[in-house]
């Protein structure tokens, strides 16, 4: 858990121990047509002695060919309750998420959609009264980015090798579900893909109908 947190926390102005916060789940998939899966919760636990406050938003997620997130704010697909939380010290809060659907799902009901649930921290001071004419300033301290997928039961990945040279491997996912590289059985020159690329990229995904370029690890 600590290792995952250290990757997902983007720190700007205040450094918190990775063990200070627990967010579950970090990766979640649900069937958008199953009424029992359309509603779920995030569990956010504050293990510090301070109040922590977060604003919660959902973004549509794509990856460019180098694996960089391309995020677009989404206010259509989900209902969040609450969308802002203040967590007292040594306490927790639950955030309820309900799938509402969207136009893309109506057009392509068999294709998986990828999202980011972004929890952006902002400072709170509950011990001091705001002075007259003092303006409230909200400064993002850090963000937690959880992966969320609307995954139809029939969706499947279809991963293929497009090209390969001494420095890189290009993969294409022709399926309608993300391909998890670690679970891939692709082999080049009698070696698994995961043995050829940089170790930091082994746990990455290739989104449906997209291409990814992976650098080979140095021998």
N, C-alpha and C. Protein backbone atom coordinates (compact mmCIF):
# COMPACT_ATOMS: atom_id res chain seq x y z
N UNK A 1 0.82 -1.21 0.00
CA UNK A 1 0.00 0.00 0.00
C UNK A 1 0.85 1.25 0.00
N UNK A 2 1.92 1.25 0.84
CA UNK A 2 2.79 2.43 0.91
C UNK A 2 3.47 2.68 -0.43
N UNK A 3 3.85 1.58 -1.11
CA UNK A 3 4.51 1.73 -2.39
C UNK A 3 3.58 2.36 -3.41
N UNK A 4 2.29 1.94 -3.39
CA UNK A 4 1.32 2.50 -4.32
C UNK A 4 1.09 3.97 -4.03
N UNK A 5 0.98 4.30 -2.75
CA UNK A 5 0.75 5.69 -2.36
C UNK A 5 1.90 6.58 -2.81
N UNK A 6 3.13 6.06 -2.68
CA UNK A 6 4.29 6.88 -3.04
C UNK A 6 4.29 7.21 -4.53
N UNK A 7 3.66 6.35 -5.35
CA UNK A 7 3.58 6.61 -6.77
C UNK A 7 2.45 7.58 -7.09
N UNK A 8 1.32 7.46 -6.38
CA UNK A 8 0.13 8.20 -6.75
C UNK A 8 0.04 9.58 -6.13
N UNK A 9 0.78 9.84 -5.08
CA UNK A 9 0.72 11.15 -4.45
C UNK A 9 1.61 12.13 -5.21
N UNK A 10 1.03 13.24 -5.62
CA UNK A 10 1.77 14.30 -6.29
C UNK A 10 1.91 15.43 -5.29
N UNK A 11 3.12 15.65 -4.77
CA UNK A 11 3.31 16.57 -3.66
C UNK A 11 3.75 17.93 -4.17
N UNK A 12 3.09 19.00 -3.67
CA UNK A 12 3.38 20.34 -4.12
C UNK A 12 4.04 21.18 -3.03
N UNK A 13 3.41 21.35 -1.89
CA UNK A 13 3.95 22.28 -0.91
C UNK A 13 4.08 21.71 0.49
N UNK A 14 3.39 20.62 0.77
CA UNK A 14 3.46 20.02 2.09
C UNK A 14 3.76 18.54 1.93
N UNK A 15 4.72 18.05 2.65
CA UNK A 15 5.10 16.65 2.55
C UNK A 15 4.45 15.87 3.68
N UNK A 16 3.65 14.87 3.31
CA UNK A 16 3.03 13.99 4.28
C UNK A 16 3.58 12.58 4.10
N UNK A 17 3.68 11.87 5.20
CA UNK A 17 4.09 10.48 5.13
C UNK A 17 3.05 9.70 4.35
N UNK A 18 3.51 8.79 3.48
CA UNK A 18 2.58 8.00 2.67
C UNK A 18 1.64 7.16 3.52
N UNK A 19 2.04 6.86 4.75
CA UNK A 19 1.20 6.08 5.64
C UNK A 19 0.13 6.93 6.31
N UNK A 20 0.12 8.23 6.03
CA UNK A 20 -0.80 9.14 6.71
C UNK A 20 -2.22 9.02 6.18
N UNK A 21 -2.37 8.47 4.98
CA UNK A 21 -3.68 8.43 4.35
C UNK A 21 -3.92 7.08 3.69
N UNK A 22 -5.12 6.56 3.85
CA UNK A 22 -5.50 5.32 3.20
C UNK A 22 -6.72 5.59 2.32
N UNK A 23 -6.62 5.24 1.05
CA UNK A 23 -7.74 5.39 0.13
C UNK A 23 -8.00 4.04 -0.53
N UNK A 24 -9.21 3.54 -0.37
CA UNK A 24 -9.57 2.23 -0.91
C UNK A 24 -10.91 2.35 -1.63
N UNK A 25 -10.98 1.86 -2.90
CA UNK A 25 -9.94 1.20 -3.69
C UNK A 25 -9.14 2.20 -4.52
N UNK A 26 -7.92 1.82 -4.88
CA UNK A 26 -7.11 2.63 -5.78
C UNK A 26 -7.45 2.32 -7.24
N UNK A 27 -7.79 1.08 -7.49
CA UNK A 27 -8.22 0.66 -8.82
C UNK A 27 -9.54 -0.07 -8.67
N UNK A 28 -10.55 0.39 -9.43
CA UNK A 28 -11.87 -0.23 -9.31
C UNK A 28 -12.51 -0.35 -10.68
N UNK A 29 -13.08 -1.52 -10.97
CA UNK A 29 -13.83 -1.75 -12.19
C UNK A 29 -15.25 -2.16 -11.83
N UNK A 30 -16.20 -1.70 -12.63
CA UNK A 30 -17.59 -2.09 -12.39
C UNK A 30 -18.30 -2.28 -13.72
N UNK A 31 -19.33 -3.11 -13.69
CA UNK A 31 -20.14 -3.35 -14.88
C UNK A 31 -21.22 -2.27 -14.95
N UNK A 32 -21.18 -1.41 -15.95
CA UNK A 32 -22.14 -0.30 -16.01
C UNK A 32 -23.58 -0.73 -16.23
N UNK A 33 -23.81 -2.01 -16.57
CA UNK A 33 -25.17 -2.49 -16.78
C UNK A 33 -25.67 -3.34 -15.62
N UNK A 34 -24.85 -3.54 -14.62
CA UNK A 34 -25.24 -4.33 -13.45
C UNK A 34 -25.70 -3.37 -12.35
N UNK A 35 -26.96 -3.41 -12.00
CA UNK A 35 -27.52 -2.48 -11.02
C UNK A 35 -26.85 -2.62 -9.66
N UNK A 36 -26.29 -3.79 -9.38
CA UNK A 36 -25.63 -4.01 -8.09
C UNK A 36 -24.22 -3.42 -8.05
N UNK A 37 -23.69 -3.05 -9.21
CA UNK A 37 -22.34 -2.51 -9.26
C UNK A 37 -22.31 -1.02 -9.59
N UNK A 38 -23.45 -0.44 -9.90
CA UNK A 38 -23.50 0.96 -10.32
C UNK A 38 -23.20 1.93 -9.18
N UNK A 39 -23.38 1.47 -7.96
CA UNK A 39 -23.11 2.31 -6.80
C UNK A 39 -22.03 1.66 -5.95
N UNK A 40 -21.00 2.43 -5.58
CA UNK A 40 -19.92 1.91 -4.75
C UNK A 40 -19.36 3.06 -3.92
N UNK A 41 -18.38 2.74 -3.07
CA UNK A 41 -17.84 3.73 -2.16
C UNK A 41 -16.32 3.75 -2.15
N UNK A 42 -15.78 4.94 -1.85
CA UNK A 42 -14.36 5.09 -1.54
C UNK A 42 -14.23 5.31 -0.04
N UNK A 43 -13.29 4.61 0.54
CA UNK A 43 -12.99 4.74 1.96
C UNK A 43 -11.72 5.56 2.09
N UNK A 44 -11.82 6.71 2.77
CA UNK A 44 -10.66 7.60 2.92
C UNK A 44 -10.38 7.78 4.41
N UNK A 45 -9.23 7.28 4.84
CA UNK A 45 -8.88 7.33 6.26
C UNK A 45 -7.72 8.29 6.50
N UNK A 46 -7.89 9.15 7.48
CA UNK A 46 -6.87 10.11 7.89
C UNK A 46 -6.17 9.57 9.13
N UNK A 47 -4.89 9.24 8.99
CA UNK A 47 -4.14 8.66 10.09
C UNK A 47 -3.25 9.68 10.80
N UNK A 48 -3.45 10.96 10.46
CA UNK A 48 -2.64 12.01 11.06
C UNK A 48 -3.36 12.64 12.25
N UNK A 49 -2.69 13.60 12.89
CA UNK A 49 -3.29 14.34 14.00
C UNK A 49 -3.85 15.69 13.54
N UNK A 50 -3.98 15.86 12.23
CA UNK A 50 -4.49 17.11 11.66
C UNK A 50 -5.78 16.86 10.88
N UNK A 51 -6.54 17.92 10.68
CA UNK A 51 -7.69 17.85 9.79
C UNK A 51 -7.18 17.85 8.34
N UNK A 52 -7.78 17.00 7.51
CA UNK A 52 -7.45 16.96 6.09
C UNK A 52 -8.73 17.20 5.28
N UNK A 53 -8.63 18.03 4.25
CA UNK A 53 -9.80 18.34 3.43
C UNK A 53 -9.50 18.05 1.97
N UNK A 54 -10.50 17.52 1.26
CA UNK A 54 -10.33 17.15 -0.13
C UNK A 54 -11.54 17.55 -0.97
N UNK A 55 -11.26 17.98 -2.19
CA UNK A 55 -12.29 18.13 -3.20
C UNK A 55 -12.16 16.97 -4.17
N UNK A 56 -13.28 16.34 -4.50
CA UNK A 56 -13.25 15.11 -5.29
C UNK A 56 -13.90 15.35 -6.65
N UNK A 57 -13.19 14.98 -7.70
CA UNK A 57 -13.68 15.17 -9.06
C UNK A 57 -13.41 13.92 -9.89
N UNK A 58 -14.17 13.78 -10.97
CA UNK A 58 -13.96 12.66 -11.90
C UNK A 58 -13.51 13.21 -13.24
N UNK A 59 -12.54 12.54 -13.84
CA UNK A 59 -12.03 12.93 -15.16
C UNK A 59 -12.06 11.73 -16.09
N UNK A 60 -12.44 11.98 -17.35
CA UNK A 60 -12.27 10.95 -18.37
C UNK A 60 -10.77 10.80 -18.62
N UNK A 61 -10.34 9.57 -18.83
CA UNK A 61 -8.91 9.32 -18.92
C UNK A 61 -8.53 8.64 -20.22
N UNK A 62 -7.53 9.19 -20.88
CA UNK A 62 -6.88 8.55 -22.01
C UNK A 62 -5.38 8.56 -21.76
N UNK A 63 -4.66 7.75 -22.50
CA UNK A 63 -3.20 7.73 -22.42
C UNK A 63 -2.62 8.03 -23.79
N UNK A 64 -1.60 8.88 -23.82
CA UNK A 64 -0.93 9.09 -25.09
C UNK A 64 0.01 7.92 -25.36
N UNK A 65 0.70 7.95 -26.49
CA UNK A 65 1.52 6.80 -26.89
C UNK A 65 2.69 6.53 -25.93
N UNK A 66 3.03 7.55 -25.11
CA UNK A 66 4.11 7.37 -24.14
C UNK A 66 3.60 7.07 -22.73
N UNK A 67 2.27 6.91 -22.61
CA UNK A 67 1.70 6.55 -21.32
C UNK A 67 1.34 7.70 -20.42
N UNK A 68 1.35 8.92 -20.94
CA UNK A 68 1.00 10.08 -20.14
C UNK A 68 -0.51 10.26 -20.10
N UNK A 69 -1.04 10.55 -18.89
CA UNK A 69 -2.47 10.76 -18.73
C UNK A 69 -2.95 11.97 -19.52
N UNK A 70 -4.07 11.81 -20.20
CA UNK A 70 -4.79 12.92 -20.81
C UNK A 70 -6.15 12.96 -20.13
N UNK A 71 -6.40 13.97 -19.32
CA UNK A 71 -7.60 14.01 -18.49
C UNK A 71 -8.55 15.12 -18.95
N UNK A 72 -9.83 14.81 -18.93
CA UNK A 72 -10.87 15.78 -19.28
C UNK A 72 -11.95 15.72 -18.20
N UNK A 73 -12.27 16.86 -17.62
CA UNK A 73 -13.24 16.91 -16.52
C UNK A 73 -14.56 16.29 -16.96
N UNK A 74 -15.11 15.44 -16.10
CA UNK A 74 -16.37 14.75 -16.39
C UNK A 74 -17.40 15.09 -15.31
N UNK A 75 -18.47 15.73 -15.73
CA UNK A 75 -19.56 16.04 -14.79
C UNK A 75 -20.84 15.30 -15.19
N UNK A 76 -20.73 14.42 -16.17
CA UNK A 76 -21.89 13.73 -16.72
C UNK A 76 -22.09 12.33 -16.16
N UNK A 77 -21.00 11.60 -15.96
CA UNK A 77 -21.10 10.15 -15.78
C UNK A 77 -21.41 9.68 -14.37
N UNK A 78 -21.02 10.46 -13.36
CA UNK A 78 -21.14 10.00 -11.98
C UNK A 78 -21.77 11.06 -11.07
N UNK A 79 -22.36 10.56 -10.01
CA UNK A 79 -22.85 11.42 -8.93
C UNK A 79 -21.99 11.12 -7.71
N UNK A 80 -21.35 12.17 -7.15
CA UNK A 80 -20.48 12.02 -5.98
C UNK A 80 -21.16 12.62 -4.76
N UNK A 81 -21.18 11.87 -3.68
CA UNK A 81 -21.75 12.37 -2.43
C UNK A 81 -20.87 11.95 -1.26
N UNK A 82 -20.20 12.90 -0.61
CA UNK A 82 -20.10 14.33 -0.96
C UNK A 82 -18.97 14.53 -1.97
N UNK A 83 -18.91 15.72 -2.55
CA UNK A 83 -17.83 16.04 -3.48
C UNK A 83 -16.70 16.77 -2.77
N UNK A 84 -16.93 17.17 -1.52
CA UNK A 84 -15.90 17.75 -0.66
C UNK A 84 -16.00 17.10 0.71
N UNK A 85 -14.86 16.78 1.29
CA UNK A 85 -14.85 16.15 2.60
C UNK A 85 -13.79 16.78 3.50
N UNK A 86 -14.10 16.87 4.77
CA UNK A 86 -13.13 17.24 5.79
C UNK A 86 -13.04 16.05 6.75
N UNK A 87 -11.85 15.51 6.89
CA UNK A 87 -11.66 14.31 7.71
C UNK A 87 -10.95 14.69 9.00
N UNK A 88 -11.59 14.52 10.14
CA UNK A 88 -10.95 14.82 11.42
C UNK A 88 -9.75 13.90 11.66
N UNK A 89 -8.88 14.27 12.57
CA UNK A 89 -7.71 13.43 12.89
C UNK A 89 -8.13 12.03 13.32
N UNK A 90 -7.38 11.05 12.89
CA UNK A 90 -7.58 9.65 13.27
C UNK A 90 -9.02 9.21 13.00
N UNK A 91 -9.52 9.59 11.83
CA UNK A 91 -10.90 9.27 11.47
C UNK A 91 -10.97 8.93 9.99
N UNK A 92 -12.18 8.68 9.50
CA UNK A 92 -12.35 8.35 8.09
C UNK A 92 -13.69 8.87 7.58
N UNK A 93 -13.78 8.93 6.27
CA UNK A 93 -15.02 9.30 5.61
C UNK A 93 -15.23 8.38 4.41
N UNK A 94 -16.50 8.17 4.07
CA UNK A 94 -16.85 7.42 2.87
C UNK A 94 -17.38 8.36 1.81
N UNK A 95 -16.99 8.14 0.57
CA UNK A 95 -17.49 8.91 -0.55
C UNK A 95 -18.30 7.96 -1.44
N UNK A 96 -19.58 8.25 -1.60
CA UNK A 96 -20.46 7.40 -2.39
C UNK A 96 -20.42 7.83 -3.85
N UNK A 97 -20.28 6.87 -4.74
CA UNK A 97 -20.20 7.13 -6.18
C UNK A 97 -21.31 6.34 -6.87
N UNK A 98 -22.06 7.02 -7.74
CA UNK A 98 -23.14 6.36 -8.48
C UNK A 98 -22.96 6.63 -9.97
N UNK A 99 -22.97 5.56 -10.75
CA UNK A 99 -22.86 5.66 -12.20
C UNK A 99 -24.19 6.13 -12.79
N UNK A 100 -24.14 7.21 -13.57
CA UNK A 100 -25.34 7.74 -14.22
C UNK A 100 -25.39 7.41 -15.71
N UNK A 101 -24.22 7.07 -16.27
CA UNK A 101 -24.14 6.82 -17.69
C UNK A 101 -23.75 8.07 -18.46
N UNK A 102 -23.47 7.91 -19.75
CA UNK A 102 -23.10 9.05 -20.58
C UNK A 102 -23.37 8.73 -22.05
N UNK A 103 -23.20 9.72 -22.90
CA UNK A 103 -23.49 9.56 -24.32
C UNK A 103 -22.56 8.54 -24.98
N UNK A 104 -21.31 8.53 -24.55
CA UNK A 104 -20.36 7.58 -25.15
C UNK A 104 -20.79 6.14 -24.88
N UNK A 105 -21.30 5.87 -23.68
CA UNK A 105 -21.75 4.52 -23.34
C UNK A 105 -22.96 4.13 -24.18
N UNK A 106 -23.84 5.10 -24.45
CA UNK A 106 -25.01 4.81 -25.29
C UNK A 106 -24.59 4.43 -26.71
N UNK A 107 -23.53 5.07 -27.20
CA UNK A 107 -23.05 4.80 -28.56
C UNK A 107 -22.21 3.53 -28.62
N UNK A 108 -21.43 3.26 -27.57
CA UNK A 108 -20.53 2.10 -27.55
C UNK A 108 -20.68 1.33 -26.23
N UNK A 109 -21.80 0.63 -26.05
CA UNK A 109 -22.08 -0.04 -24.77
C UNK A 109 -21.16 -1.21 -24.46
N UNK A 110 -20.39 -1.67 -25.44
CA UNK A 110 -19.51 -2.82 -25.23
C UNK A 110 -18.06 -2.42 -24.97
N UNK A 111 -17.78 -1.12 -25.03
CA UNK A 111 -16.40 -0.65 -24.86
C UNK A 111 -16.17 -0.12 -23.45
N UNK A 112 -15.05 -0.50 -22.87
CA UNK A 112 -14.67 -0.01 -21.55
C UNK A 112 -14.33 1.48 -21.61
N UNK A 113 -14.72 2.20 -20.55
CA UNK A 113 -14.35 3.60 -20.39
C UNK A 113 -13.46 3.75 -19.17
N UNK A 114 -12.43 4.57 -19.32
CA UNK A 114 -11.47 4.78 -18.22
C UNK A 114 -11.65 6.17 -17.62
N UNK A 115 -11.52 6.24 -16.29
CA UNK A 115 -11.67 7.50 -15.56
C UNK A 115 -10.58 7.61 -14.50
N UNK A 116 -10.37 8.83 -14.05
CA UNK A 116 -9.58 9.09 -12.85
C UNK A 116 -10.49 9.75 -11.81
N UNK A 117 -10.46 9.23 -10.61
CA UNK A 117 -11.08 9.90 -9.48
C UNK A 117 -9.97 10.66 -8.77
N UNK A 118 -10.05 11.98 -8.83
CA UNK A 118 -8.97 12.83 -8.31
C UNK A 118 -9.41 13.50 -7.02
N UNK A 119 -8.66 13.25 -5.96
CA UNK A 119 -8.91 13.87 -4.66
C UNK A 119 -7.83 14.91 -4.43
N UNK A 120 -8.21 16.18 -4.52
CA UNK A 120 -7.27 17.29 -4.39
C UNK A 120 -7.36 17.88 -2.99
N UNK A 121 -6.26 17.83 -2.27
CA UNK A 121 -6.26 18.35 -0.91
C UNK A 121 -6.15 19.87 -0.91
N UNK A 122 -6.85 20.50 0.01
CA UNK A 122 -6.66 21.92 0.26
C UNK A 122 -6.58 22.14 1.76
N UNK A 123 -5.81 23.16 2.20
CA UNK A 123 -5.58 23.37 3.62
C UNK A 123 -6.83 23.88 4.33
N UNK A 124 -7.01 23.43 5.55
CA UNK A 124 -8.09 23.93 6.40
C UNK A 124 -7.51 24.37 7.73
N UNK A 125 -8.09 25.40 8.29
CA UNK A 125 -7.68 25.89 9.60
C UNK A 125 -8.94 26.09 10.42
N UNK A 126 -9.23 25.13 11.29
CA UNK A 126 -10.45 25.18 12.08
C UNK A 126 -10.22 25.78 13.47
N UNK A 127 -9.00 26.22 13.73
CA UNK A 127 -8.67 26.73 15.06
C UNK A 127 -8.62 28.25 15.12
N UNK A 128 -8.57 28.89 13.96
CA UNK A 128 -8.49 30.34 13.94
C UNK A 128 -9.68 30.92 13.19
N UNK A 129 -10.25 31.99 13.72
CA UNK A 129 -11.34 32.66 13.04
C UNK A 129 -10.78 33.55 11.93
N UNK A 130 -11.50 33.60 10.86
CA UNK A 130 -11.05 34.43 9.74
C UNK A 130 -11.24 35.90 10.08
N UNK A 131 -10.17 36.64 9.90
CA UNK A 131 -10.23 38.06 10.20
C UNK A 131 -11.11 38.79 9.20
N UNK A 132 -11.62 39.95 9.60
CA UNK A 132 -12.49 40.74 8.74
C UNK A 132 -11.74 41.11 7.46
N UNK A 133 -12.46 40.96 6.35
CA UNK A 133 -11.94 41.28 5.02
C UNK A 133 -10.84 40.32 4.55
N UNK A 134 -10.57 39.28 5.33
CA UNK A 134 -9.55 38.31 4.93
C UNK A 134 -10.14 37.38 3.86
N UNK A 135 -9.47 37.24 2.76
CA UNK A 135 -9.96 36.39 1.69
C UNK A 135 -9.50 34.95 1.90
N UNK A 136 -10.41 34.04 1.62
CA UNK A 136 -10.08 32.62 1.76
C UNK A 136 -9.22 32.19 0.58
N UNK A 137 -8.10 31.60 0.88
CA UNK A 137 -7.18 31.14 -0.17
C UNK A 137 -7.12 29.63 -0.15
N UNK A 138 -7.37 29.01 -1.30
CA UNK A 138 -7.30 27.56 -1.41
C UNK A 138 -6.09 27.20 -2.25
N UNK A 139 -5.18 26.47 -1.67
CA UNK A 139 -3.96 26.08 -2.37
C UNK A 139 -3.86 24.56 -2.36
N UNK A 140 -3.77 23.99 -3.52
CA UNK A 140 -3.67 22.54 -3.60
C UNK A 140 -2.36 22.08 -2.97
N UNK A 141 -2.44 21.10 -2.10
CA UNK A 141 -1.26 20.57 -1.44
C UNK A 141 -0.78 19.31 -2.16
N UNK A 142 -1.66 18.37 -2.36
CA UNK A 142 -1.31 17.22 -3.18
C UNK A 142 -2.57 16.54 -3.69
N UNK A 143 -2.40 15.65 -4.63
CA UNK A 143 -3.53 14.97 -5.24
C UNK A 143 -3.37 13.46 -5.12
N UNK A 144 -4.48 12.80 -5.00
CA UNK A 144 -4.52 11.35 -5.06
C UNK A 144 -5.33 10.99 -6.30
N UNK A 145 -4.75 10.18 -7.17
CA UNK A 145 -5.42 9.82 -8.42
C UNK A 145 -5.71 8.33 -8.43
N UNK A 146 -6.98 7.99 -8.33
CA UNK A 146 -7.39 6.58 -8.35
C UNK A 146 -7.91 6.23 -9.73
N UNK A 147 -7.70 4.99 -10.14
CA UNK A 147 -8.14 4.53 -11.45
C UNK A 147 -9.52 3.90 -11.34
N UNK A 148 -10.40 4.28 -12.28
CA UNK A 148 -11.77 3.78 -12.28
C UNK A 148 -12.14 3.38 -13.71
N UNK A 149 -12.78 2.20 -13.84
CA UNK A 149 -13.14 1.71 -15.16
C UNK A 149 -14.60 1.24 -15.19
N UNK A 150 -15.33 1.71 -16.20
CA UNK A 150 -16.66 1.18 -16.48
C UNK A 150 -16.46 0.07 -17.51
N UNK A 151 -16.54 -1.18 -17.04
CA UNK A 151 -16.12 -2.32 -17.85
C UNK A 151 -17.27 -3.28 -18.12
N UNK A 152 -17.83 -3.28 -19.32
CA UNK A 152 -18.86 -4.26 -19.67
C UNK A 152 -18.31 -5.68 -19.54
N UNK A 153 -19.17 -6.61 -19.17
CA UNK A 153 -18.72 -7.98 -18.94
C UNK A 153 -18.13 -8.64 -20.19
N UNK A 154 -18.58 -8.21 -21.36
CA UNK A 154 -18.11 -8.83 -22.59
C UNK A 154 -16.82 -8.20 -23.11
N UNK A 155 -16.35 -7.12 -22.50
CA UNK A 155 -15.16 -6.41 -22.98
C UNK A 155 -13.90 -7.25 -22.75
N UNK A 156 -13.01 -7.27 -23.78
CA UNK A 156 -11.78 -8.04 -23.70
C UNK A 156 -10.64 -7.28 -24.38
N UNK A 157 -9.41 -7.43 -23.89
CA UNK A 157 -8.26 -6.83 -24.57
C UNK A 157 -7.81 -7.68 -25.74
N UNK A 158 -7.09 -7.08 -26.66
CA UNK A 158 -6.52 -7.80 -27.81
C UNK A 158 -5.19 -7.13 -28.14
N UNK A 159 -4.15 -7.55 -27.44
CA UNK A 159 -2.85 -6.88 -27.50
C UNK A 159 -1.95 -7.51 -28.56
N UNK A 160 -1.32 -6.64 -29.37
CA UNK A 160 -0.45 -7.10 -30.44
C UNK A 160 0.83 -6.28 -30.49
N UNK A 161 1.89 -6.87 -31.02
CA UNK A 161 3.15 -6.16 -31.24
C UNK A 161 3.10 -5.51 -32.61
N UNK A 162 3.26 -4.19 -32.66
CA UNK A 162 3.26 -3.46 -33.92
C UNK A 162 4.65 -3.44 -34.53
N UNK A 163 5.63 -3.10 -33.72
CA UNK A 163 7.01 -3.06 -34.19
C UNK A 163 7.96 -3.16 -33.01
N UNK A 164 9.23 -3.41 -33.33
CA UNK A 164 10.24 -3.56 -32.27
C UNK A 164 11.60 -3.29 -32.85
N UNK A 165 12.41 -2.54 -32.09
CA UNK A 165 13.80 -2.31 -32.51
C UNK A 165 14.69 -2.38 -31.27
N UNK A 166 15.92 -1.93 -31.43
CA UNK A 166 16.88 -2.06 -30.33
C UNK A 166 16.52 -1.22 -29.11
N UNK A 167 15.71 -0.17 -29.31
CA UNK A 167 15.42 0.75 -28.21
C UNK A 167 13.99 0.68 -27.68
N UNK A 168 13.04 0.26 -28.52
CA UNK A 168 11.64 0.35 -28.11
C UNK A 168 10.78 -0.76 -28.69
N UNK A 169 9.64 -0.96 -28.04
CA UNK A 169 8.62 -1.89 -28.51
C UNK A 169 7.30 -1.12 -28.60
N UNK A 170 6.62 -1.26 -29.73
CA UNK A 170 5.33 -0.59 -29.92
C UNK A 170 4.22 -1.64 -29.85
N UNK A 171 3.24 -1.41 -28.95
CA UNK A 171 2.13 -2.33 -28.78
C UNK A 171 0.82 -1.65 -29.14
N UNK A 172 -0.11 -2.44 -29.66
CA UNK A 172 -1.43 -1.92 -30.00
C UNK A 172 -2.50 -2.82 -29.37
N UNK A 173 -3.47 -2.20 -28.75
CA UNK A 173 -4.60 -2.93 -28.16
C UNK A 173 -5.82 -2.73 -29.05
N UNK A 174 -6.17 -3.76 -29.81
CA UNK A 174 -7.33 -3.70 -30.70
C UNK A 174 -8.61 -4.12 -29.99
N UNK A 175 -8.52 -4.44 -28.72
CA UNK A 175 -9.70 -4.87 -27.97
C UNK A 175 -10.53 -3.71 -27.48
N UNK A 176 -11.61 -4.04 -26.74
CA UNK A 176 -12.48 -3.01 -26.19
C UNK A 176 -12.37 -2.92 -24.67
N UNK A 177 -11.23 -3.43 -24.15
CA UNK A 177 -10.93 -3.35 -22.72
C UNK A 177 -9.44 -3.11 -22.57
N UNK A 178 -9.04 -2.42 -21.53
CA UNK A 178 -7.61 -2.17 -21.28
C UNK A 178 -6.85 -3.49 -21.18
N UNK A 179 -5.61 -3.46 -21.64
CA UNK A 179 -4.73 -4.62 -21.52
C UNK A 179 -3.72 -4.33 -20.41
N UNK A 180 -3.66 -5.20 -19.42
CA UNK A 180 -2.70 -5.06 -18.32
C UNK A 180 -1.42 -5.78 -18.74
N UNK A 181 -0.36 -5.01 -18.88
CA UNK A 181 0.86 -5.56 -19.45
C UNK A 181 1.41 -6.74 -18.66
N UNK A 182 1.31 -6.66 -17.34
CA UNK A 182 1.85 -7.74 -16.51
C UNK A 182 1.17 -9.08 -16.81
N UNK A 183 -0.09 -9.03 -17.24
CA UNK A 183 -0.83 -10.25 -17.51
C UNK A 183 -0.71 -10.71 -18.97
N UNK A 184 0.05 -9.97 -19.74
CA UNK A 184 0.18 -10.30 -21.16
C UNK A 184 1.06 -11.53 -21.37
N UNK A 185 0.71 -12.30 -22.40
CA UNK A 185 1.51 -13.48 -22.76
C UNK A 185 2.36 -13.23 -24.01
N UNK A 186 2.45 -11.96 -24.42
CA UNK A 186 3.21 -11.64 -25.62
C UNK A 186 4.69 -12.00 -25.45
N UNK A 187 5.25 -12.55 -26.52
CA UNK A 187 6.66 -12.98 -26.50
C UNK A 187 7.36 -12.45 -27.74
N UNK A 188 8.58 -11.92 -27.55
CA UNK A 188 9.42 -11.49 -28.67
C UNK A 188 10.79 -12.14 -28.50
N UNK A 189 11.24 -12.81 -29.53
CA UNK A 189 12.54 -13.48 -29.47
C UNK A 189 12.64 -14.42 -28.26
N UNK A 190 11.57 -15.16 -28.03
CA UNK A 190 11.50 -16.13 -26.94
C UNK A 190 11.56 -15.49 -25.54
N UNK A 191 11.29 -14.21 -25.48
CA UNK A 191 11.27 -13.53 -24.18
C UNK A 191 9.94 -12.80 -24.00
N UNK A 192 9.45 -12.81 -22.78
CA UNK A 192 8.22 -12.09 -22.49
C UNK A 192 8.44 -10.58 -22.60
N UNK A 193 7.38 -9.90 -22.99
CA UNK A 193 7.43 -8.44 -23.09
C UNK A 193 7.89 -7.83 -21.77
N UNK A 194 7.37 -8.35 -20.67
CA UNK A 194 7.69 -7.79 -19.35
C UNK A 194 9.16 -7.96 -18.97
N UNK A 195 9.85 -8.86 -19.65
CA UNK A 195 11.28 -9.03 -19.38
C UNK A 195 12.15 -8.12 -20.24
N UNK A 196 11.53 -7.47 -21.21
CA UNK A 196 12.28 -6.65 -22.14
C UNK A 196 12.19 -5.15 -21.85
N UNK A 197 11.07 -4.72 -21.27
CA UNK A 197 10.87 -3.29 -21.05
C UNK A 197 11.39 -2.86 -19.68
N UNK A 198 11.43 -1.56 -19.47
CA UNK A 198 11.88 -1.03 -18.19
C UNK A 198 10.97 -1.50 -17.05
N UNK A 199 11.54 -1.88 -15.91
CA UNK A 199 10.75 -2.41 -14.79
C UNK A 199 9.62 -1.49 -14.33
N UNK A 200 9.83 -0.18 -14.41
CA UNK A 200 8.80 0.76 -13.95
C UNK A 200 7.56 0.73 -14.82
N UNK A 201 7.65 0.15 -16.01
CA UNK A 201 6.51 0.12 -16.93
C UNK A 201 5.74 -1.19 -16.91
N UNK A 202 6.20 -2.14 -16.14
CA UNK A 202 5.59 -3.47 -16.14
C UNK A 202 4.14 -3.43 -15.66
N UNK A 203 3.82 -2.56 -14.71
CA UNK A 203 2.47 -2.51 -14.14
C UNK A 203 1.54 -1.53 -14.86
N UNK A 204 1.90 -1.11 -16.06
CA UNK A 204 1.07 -0.16 -16.80
C UNK A 204 0.02 -0.87 -17.64
N UNK A 205 -0.88 -0.06 -18.23
CA UNK A 205 -1.94 -0.60 -19.07
C UNK A 205 -1.92 0.06 -20.44
N UNK A 206 -2.50 -0.63 -21.42
CA UNK A 206 -2.71 -0.08 -22.75
C UNK A 206 -4.22 0.00 -22.94
N UNK A 207 -4.75 1.20 -23.10
CA UNK A 207 -6.19 1.39 -23.19
C UNK A 207 -6.75 0.76 -24.45
N UNK A 208 -8.06 0.54 -24.46
CA UNK A 208 -8.74 -0.03 -25.62
C UNK A 208 -8.53 0.86 -26.84
N UNK A 209 -8.26 0.20 -27.98
CA UNK A 209 -8.09 0.89 -29.27
C UNK A 209 -7.02 1.97 -29.20
N UNK A 210 -5.89 1.63 -28.62
CA UNK A 210 -4.81 2.62 -28.52
C UNK A 210 -3.44 1.95 -28.68
N UNK A 211 -2.42 2.81 -28.82
CA UNK A 211 -1.04 2.35 -29.03
C UNK A 211 -0.16 2.87 -27.90
N UNK A 212 0.79 2.05 -27.46
CA UNK A 212 1.77 2.47 -26.46
C UNK A 212 3.17 2.13 -26.93
N UNK A 213 4.10 3.04 -26.65
CA UNK A 213 5.51 2.81 -26.94
C UNK A 213 6.25 2.57 -25.63
N UNK A 214 6.98 1.47 -25.58
CA UNK A 214 7.73 1.13 -24.37
C UNK A 214 9.22 1.10 -24.68
N UNK A 215 9.98 1.78 -23.84
CA UNK A 215 11.44 1.73 -23.99
C UNK A 215 11.95 0.41 -23.43
N UNK A 216 12.96 -0.15 -24.10
CA UNK A 216 13.56 -1.37 -23.61
C UNK A 216 14.52 -1.05 -22.46
N UNK A 217 14.62 -1.97 -21.54
CA UNK A 217 15.55 -1.75 -20.44
C UNK A 217 16.98 -1.93 -20.92
N UNK A 218 17.88 -1.24 -20.25
CA UNK A 218 19.29 -1.31 -20.62
C UNK A 218 19.85 -2.66 -20.18
N UNK A 219 20.54 -3.31 -21.07
CA UNK A 219 21.10 -4.63 -20.74
C UNK A 219 22.34 -4.47 -19.86
